[in-house]
Every structure is written in C-alpha cells, then in structure tokens.
Protein backbone atom coordinates (compact mmCIF):
# COMPACT_ATOMS: atom_id res chain seq x y z
CA UNK A 1 -38.01 98.48 38.97
CA UNK A 2 -41.59 97.53 37.39
CA UNK A 3 -42.33 99.70 34.40
CA UNK A 4 -45.07 99.97 31.74
CA UNK A 5 -44.37 99.18 28.20
CA UNK A 6 -45.32 96.61 26.03
CA UNK A 7 -46.08 92.92 27.41
CA UNK A 8 -44.25 89.89 25.73
CA UNK A 9 -47.06 86.49 24.72
CA UNK A 10 -46.78 83.89 27.58
CA UNK A 11 -48.13 80.73 27.04
CA UNK A 12 -50.76 78.96 29.34
CA UNK A 13 -50.29 75.95 28.36
CA UNK A 14 -48.79 73.08 31.23
CA UNK A 15 -51.05 75.12 34.23
CA UNK A 16 -54.23 72.35 34.96
CA UNK A 17 -55.72 75.02 37.05
CA UNK A 18 -56.37 77.15 33.63
CA UNK A 19 -58.68 74.37 32.61
CA UNK A 20 -61.14 74.89 34.99
CA UNK A 21 -61.93 78.44 35.64
CA UNK A 22 -65.18 77.54 37.62
CA UNK A 23 -67.20 79.50 34.77
CA UNK A 24 -68.19 78.90 31.38
CA UNK A 25 -69.10 82.05 28.13
CA UNK A 26 -70.83 80.88 24.91
CA UNK A 27 -70.06 82.52 21.39
CA UNK A 28 -71.60 85.65 20.79
CA UNK A 29 -71.98 86.48 24.44
CA UNK A 30 -71.88 90.20 25.76
CA UNK A 31 -69.26 89.64 28.69
CA UNK A 32 -67.74 92.55 30.27
CA UNK A 33 -64.51 91.98 32.36
CA UNK A 34 -64.11 93.61 36.08
CA UNK A 35 -59.88 93.60 37.19
CA UNK A 36 -58.83 94.42 40.60
CA UNK A 37 -57.24 93.79 43.86
CA UNK A 38 -60.44 94.55 45.24
CA UNK A 39 -58.51 95.40 49.03
CA UNK A 40 -61.83 95.60 50.07
CA UNK A 41 -64.64 95.11 47.81
CA UNK A 42 -67.55 98.08 48.14
CA UNK A 43 -70.44 99.25 47.12
CA UNK A 44 -68.57 101.82 45.18
CA UNK A 45 -66.71 98.66 42.94
CA UNK A 46 -70.35 97.16 42.70
CA UNK A 47 -71.79 100.34 41.25
CA UNK A 48 -68.79 100.43 38.38
CA UNK A 49 -70.02 96.76 37.78
CA UNK A 50 -73.71 97.75 37.49
CA UNK A 51 -72.99 100.73 35.64
CA UNK A 52 -71.51 98.79 33.38
CA UNK A 53 -73.51 95.92 32.88
CA UNK A 54 -76.81 98.04 32.46
CA UNK A 55 -75.67 100.89 30.27
CA UNK A 56 -73.56 98.46 27.48
CA UNK A 57 -76.51 95.12 27.65
CA UNK A 58 -73.85 92.55 28.83
CA UNK A 59 -74.73 89.47 29.48
CA UNK A 60 -72.34 88.93 32.32
CA UNK A 61 -69.78 90.55 34.44
CA UNK A 62 -66.46 88.87 35.53
CA UNK A 63 -64.77 90.18 38.08
CA UNK A 64 -60.64 89.06 37.71
CA UNK A 65 -59.82 89.41 41.24
CA UNK A 66 -56.21 90.20 41.62
CA UNK A 67 -53.56 87.72 43.11
CA UNK A 68 -51.25 91.29 43.66
CA UNK A 69 -51.33 94.60 41.70
CA UNK A 70 -47.84 95.35 40.35
CA UNK A 71 -48.87 99.20 41.46
CA UNK A 72 -49.88 98.45 45.03
CA UNK A 73 -47.96 97.29 48.35
CA UNK A 74 -48.07 93.52 49.08
CA UNK A 75 -48.46 94.36 52.40
CA UNK A 76 -51.84 95.78 52.85
CA UNK A 77 -53.26 93.32 50.56
CA UNK A 78 -55.38 90.97 52.32
CA UNK A 79 -55.42 87.30 50.77
CA UNK A 80 -57.15 86.34 47.85
CA UNK A 81 -59.88 84.08 49.43
CA UNK A 82 -60.64 87.11 51.61
CA UNK A 83 -60.85 89.44 48.88
CA UNK A 84 -63.03 87.20 46.88
CA UNK A 85 -65.09 86.19 50.18
CA UNK A 86 -65.66 90.36 49.86
CA UNK A 87 -66.38 91.07 46.37
CA UNK A 88 -68.92 87.67 46.69
CA UNK A 89 -70.66 89.88 49.71
CA UNK A 90 -70.86 93.24 47.32
CA UNK A 91 -72.85 91.29 44.31
CA UNK A 92 -76.00 89.86 43.49
CA UNK A 93 -77.32 87.62 40.67
CA UNK A 94 -76.26 85.20 38.48
CA UNK A 95 -74.63 88.12 35.85
CA UNK A 96 -72.12 88.75 38.01
CA UNK A 97 -69.32 85.88 38.13
CA UNK A 98 -66.63 86.32 40.87
CA UNK A 99 -63.17 84.53 39.74
CA UNK A 100 -59.19 83.70 40.47
CA UNK A 101 -58.96 83.26 36.57
CA UNK A 102 -55.22 85.13 36.90
CA UNK A 103 -53.76 83.16 39.47
CA UNK A 104 -54.71 80.12 37.73
CA UNK A 105 -53.94 81.40 34.27
CA UNK A 106 -50.52 82.44 36.37
CA UNK A 107 -50.61 86.12 35.04
CA UNK A 108 -49.29 89.27 36.47
CA UNK A 109 -50.67 91.76 34.42
CA UNK A 110 -53.80 92.61 32.17
CA UNK A 111 -52.68 92.10 29.05
CA UNK A 112 -52.51 89.03 29.71
CA UNK A 113 -55.14 87.86 31.28
CA UNK A 114 -57.13 89.25 28.45
CA UNK A 115 -55.20 87.28 25.85
CA UNK A 116 -55.89 84.06 27.83
CA UNK A 117 -59.24 84.68 28.19
CA UNK A 118 -60.12 85.72 24.32
CA UNK A 119 -58.04 82.26 23.39
CA UNK A 120 -60.56 80.45 25.97
CA UNK A 121 -63.83 81.81 24.74
CA UNK A 122 -63.50 82.49 20.97
CA UNK A 123 -66.93 84.32 19.94
CA UNK A 124 -67.18 85.89 23.34
CA UNK A 125 -67.48 89.82 23.07
CA UNK A 126 -65.14 91.02 25.86
CA UNK A 127 -65.00 94.65 26.85
CA UNK A 128 -63.01 95.54 29.96
CA UNK A 129 -64.45 97.70 32.90
CA UNK A 130 -62.82 100.54 34.81
CA UNK A 131 -63.58 103.57 37.10
CA UNK A 132 -61.94 106.33 36.19
CA UNK A 133 -59.57 106.54 38.92
CA UNK A 134 -58.25 103.67 36.94
CA UNK A 135 -57.95 105.57 33.48
CA UNK A 136 -56.27 108.31 35.83
CA UNK A 137 -53.16 106.12 35.91
CA UNK A 138 -53.88 103.61 33.08
CA UNK A 139 -50.79 104.47 31.25
CA UNK A 140 -48.29 103.06 33.99
CA UNK A 141 -50.17 99.39 32.96
CA UNK A 142 -47.93 97.17 31.34
CA UNK A 143 -48.98 96.84 28.18
CA UNK A 144 -51.71 99.57 28.19
CA UNK A 145 -51.51 100.37 24.30
CA UNK A 146 -52.15 96.54 23.81
CA UNK A 147 -54.61 96.45 26.29
CA UNK A 148 -56.70 99.11 23.90
CA UNK A 149 -55.77 97.31 20.96
CA UNK A 150 -57.59 93.90 22.32
CA UNK A 151 -60.59 95.28 23.65
CA UNK A 152 -62.97 97.98 23.88
CA UNK A 153 -62.56 99.29 27.01
CA UNK A 154 -65.45 100.99 29.00
CA UNK A 155 -64.82 103.95 31.86
CA UNK A 156 -67.03 104.95 34.76
CA UNK A 157 -67.63 107.56 36.31
CA UNK A 158 -65.99 108.05 40.13
CA UNK A 159 -66.12 111.05 42.44
CA UNK A 160 -63.02 113.52 42.42
CA UNK A 161 -61.30 112.14 39.62
CA UNK A 162 -63.61 111.89 36.48
CA UNK A 163 -62.03 114.91 35.29
CA UNK A 164 -58.63 114.45 35.71
CA UNK A 165 -59.47 110.90 34.27
CA UNK A 166 -60.45 112.54 30.82
CA UNK A 167 -57.31 114.43 30.34
CA UNK A 168 -54.71 111.88 31.37
CA UNK A 169 -52.11 110.66 29.32
CA UNK A 170 -54.38 107.45 28.19
CA UNK A 171 -57.57 109.62 27.37
CA UNK A 172 -55.44 112.33 25.41
CA UNK A 173 -53.60 109.07 23.63
CA UNK A 174 -57.01 107.51 22.51
CA UNK A 175 -59.02 110.39 22.09
CA UNK A 176 -59.81 109.73 18.58
CA UNK A 177 -60.79 106.12 19.57
CA UNK A 178 -63.93 107.94 22.28
CA UNK A 179 -67.34 106.72 21.16
CA UNK A 180 -70.02 109.36 22.58
CA UNK A 181 -71.76 107.73 25.87
CA UNK A 182 -75.10 107.46 23.50
CA UNK A 183 -73.53 104.73 21.78
CA UNK A 184 -72.30 102.67 24.87
CA UNK A 185 -74.28 99.83 23.79
CA UNK A 186 -72.56 98.87 20.59
CA UNK A 187 -69.37 98.84 22.11
CA UNK A 188 -69.04 95.08 22.91
CA UNK A 189 -69.35 94.78 18.93
CA UNK A 190 -66.91 97.24 18.03
CA UNK A 191 -63.39 97.23 16.65
CA UNK A 192 -60.68 98.00 19.54
CA UNK A 193 -59.05 100.42 20.07
CA UNK A 194 -62.37 101.61 21.17
CA UNK A 195 -63.49 103.54 24.81
CA UNK A 196 -66.77 104.92 26.28
CA UNK A 197 -66.75 107.54 29.58
CA UNK A 198 -70.08 106.40 31.06
CA UNK A 199 -71.44 109.33 33.51
CA UNK A 200 -74.06 109.19 35.96
CA UNK A 201 -74.84 109.30 39.54
CA UNK A 202 -71.35 108.81 41.87
CA UNK A 203 -70.47 106.24 44.60
CA UNK A 204 -68.41 107.79 47.07
CA UNK A 205 -67.09 104.29 48.46
CA UNK A 206 -63.62 103.82 48.75
CA UNK A 207 -61.33 100.96 49.94
CA UNK A 208 -58.48 103.25 51.39
CA UNK A 209 -61.16 104.66 53.28
CA UNK A 210 -62.73 100.96 54.09
CA UNK A 211 -59.03 99.85 55.28
CA UNK A 212 -58.65 103.07 57.49
CA UNK A 213 -61.93 102.43 59.56
CA UNK A 214 -60.86 98.95 59.73
CA UNK A 215 -57.58 99.55 61.02
CA UNK A 216 -59.35 102.23 63.86
CA UNK A 217 -62.05 99.30 64.73
CA UNK A 218 -64.51 100.93 62.66
CA UNK A 219 -67.57 98.66 61.51
C-alpha cells in the first residue's frame, strides 16, 4: 500500500534519456516547476501557471507531465503523449516549457524529480507551483516535508477548495514559513521552507469535469 513518508535518495546515473531533457536553464534564472497528470490539461491549469509566472516574476515555467500519479487510478489516465499534447494546446509563449522529465529521470515521486533537476541545473532558483486543491492533499505525497525543505512553494487559489486548503495538515505544519502574498516576488530567492498563497480571479474548469464530458461525447 502506498503511503506518505520520507523518500530515499535515488541515483539518476545510468539513465541516458535523463541527459537530454529537451530544454536548458541558465544559472540565475527564476523557474517554476508545475507537476501533475494533466488528465486532461485545461484552462484552470493554465491559469495557475500564468498566475505564478506573473506574480513571482518567473523566467520560465516547466510543466512536468507525470508518467502516472501514485495517488490516481491508471485506468482513467490517458497516455503520456496525449497528455503532453493536451498541455501544449493550453499554453502559449516561450516562457512555458512542456516536459516529460520525470519519465526521462525514471522518477515516480516529486521529491526525486526536484533533487534531479537541482543537481542538473545548479544556480537556478526553482519554485514548486501547485493549485490549492493539491495543497489540501499535500500531506499524502511521498516526502512532502522534504519537498518543503528543497524549494520554496507557490500555491495558487482554486475554486471551492481554497479555504479548506489553508487549514490543511501541510498548511498548519508550515504555518511559520508562510510569506505574505505581497512578498511573492521574493519567493524564488528565499531559503526553504518558504511558501506563499496567491489569491485572485478563479478559473472553474477541472479535469474531472472534462473527462465526464468526454465520456458523454461532449465537446
């Protein structure tokens, strides 16, 4: 049975695909990492990524399309190629990068991906981006406290869940590390643990609603 807990460090040596990620980042860049199944990607996801990019002053946002989320069923998950193509349809501009880095690294958990990217791109100021719906269940992620110790985290409000997420186990555990939203642009250079909750206009699209429409033959 899968459970949340500390994650052991996994070596990435011996994986040739990990040497060719399809993108390059330079030291000093401020880069958001936005991971998920994106099954399928929708305007709500794009809203989270763009809000973080703008409010944090990021140079790039890397969409890390996961091979398979351990917390979600594989039966309803489209292929990686389909999901990556779906992300490309909702993003625009050179600041948004769509990547299968987790597959190339062979990492199943976010903590492994973070450590691999930090080792690959020293000097880059990474920030983990998530919607408020992810913060509500963040305590179920493998190595979630280690994630908070690796990089600063930006949480973007999402419909119906924002209030609940702010009282989630993760939010309570790291209440001391929460920065005011007015200091969002300082987050990429902050020492973790440090996180910020960004509020603003809400986008009500969800992947589950889109999947249901697809099953019923809707557009």
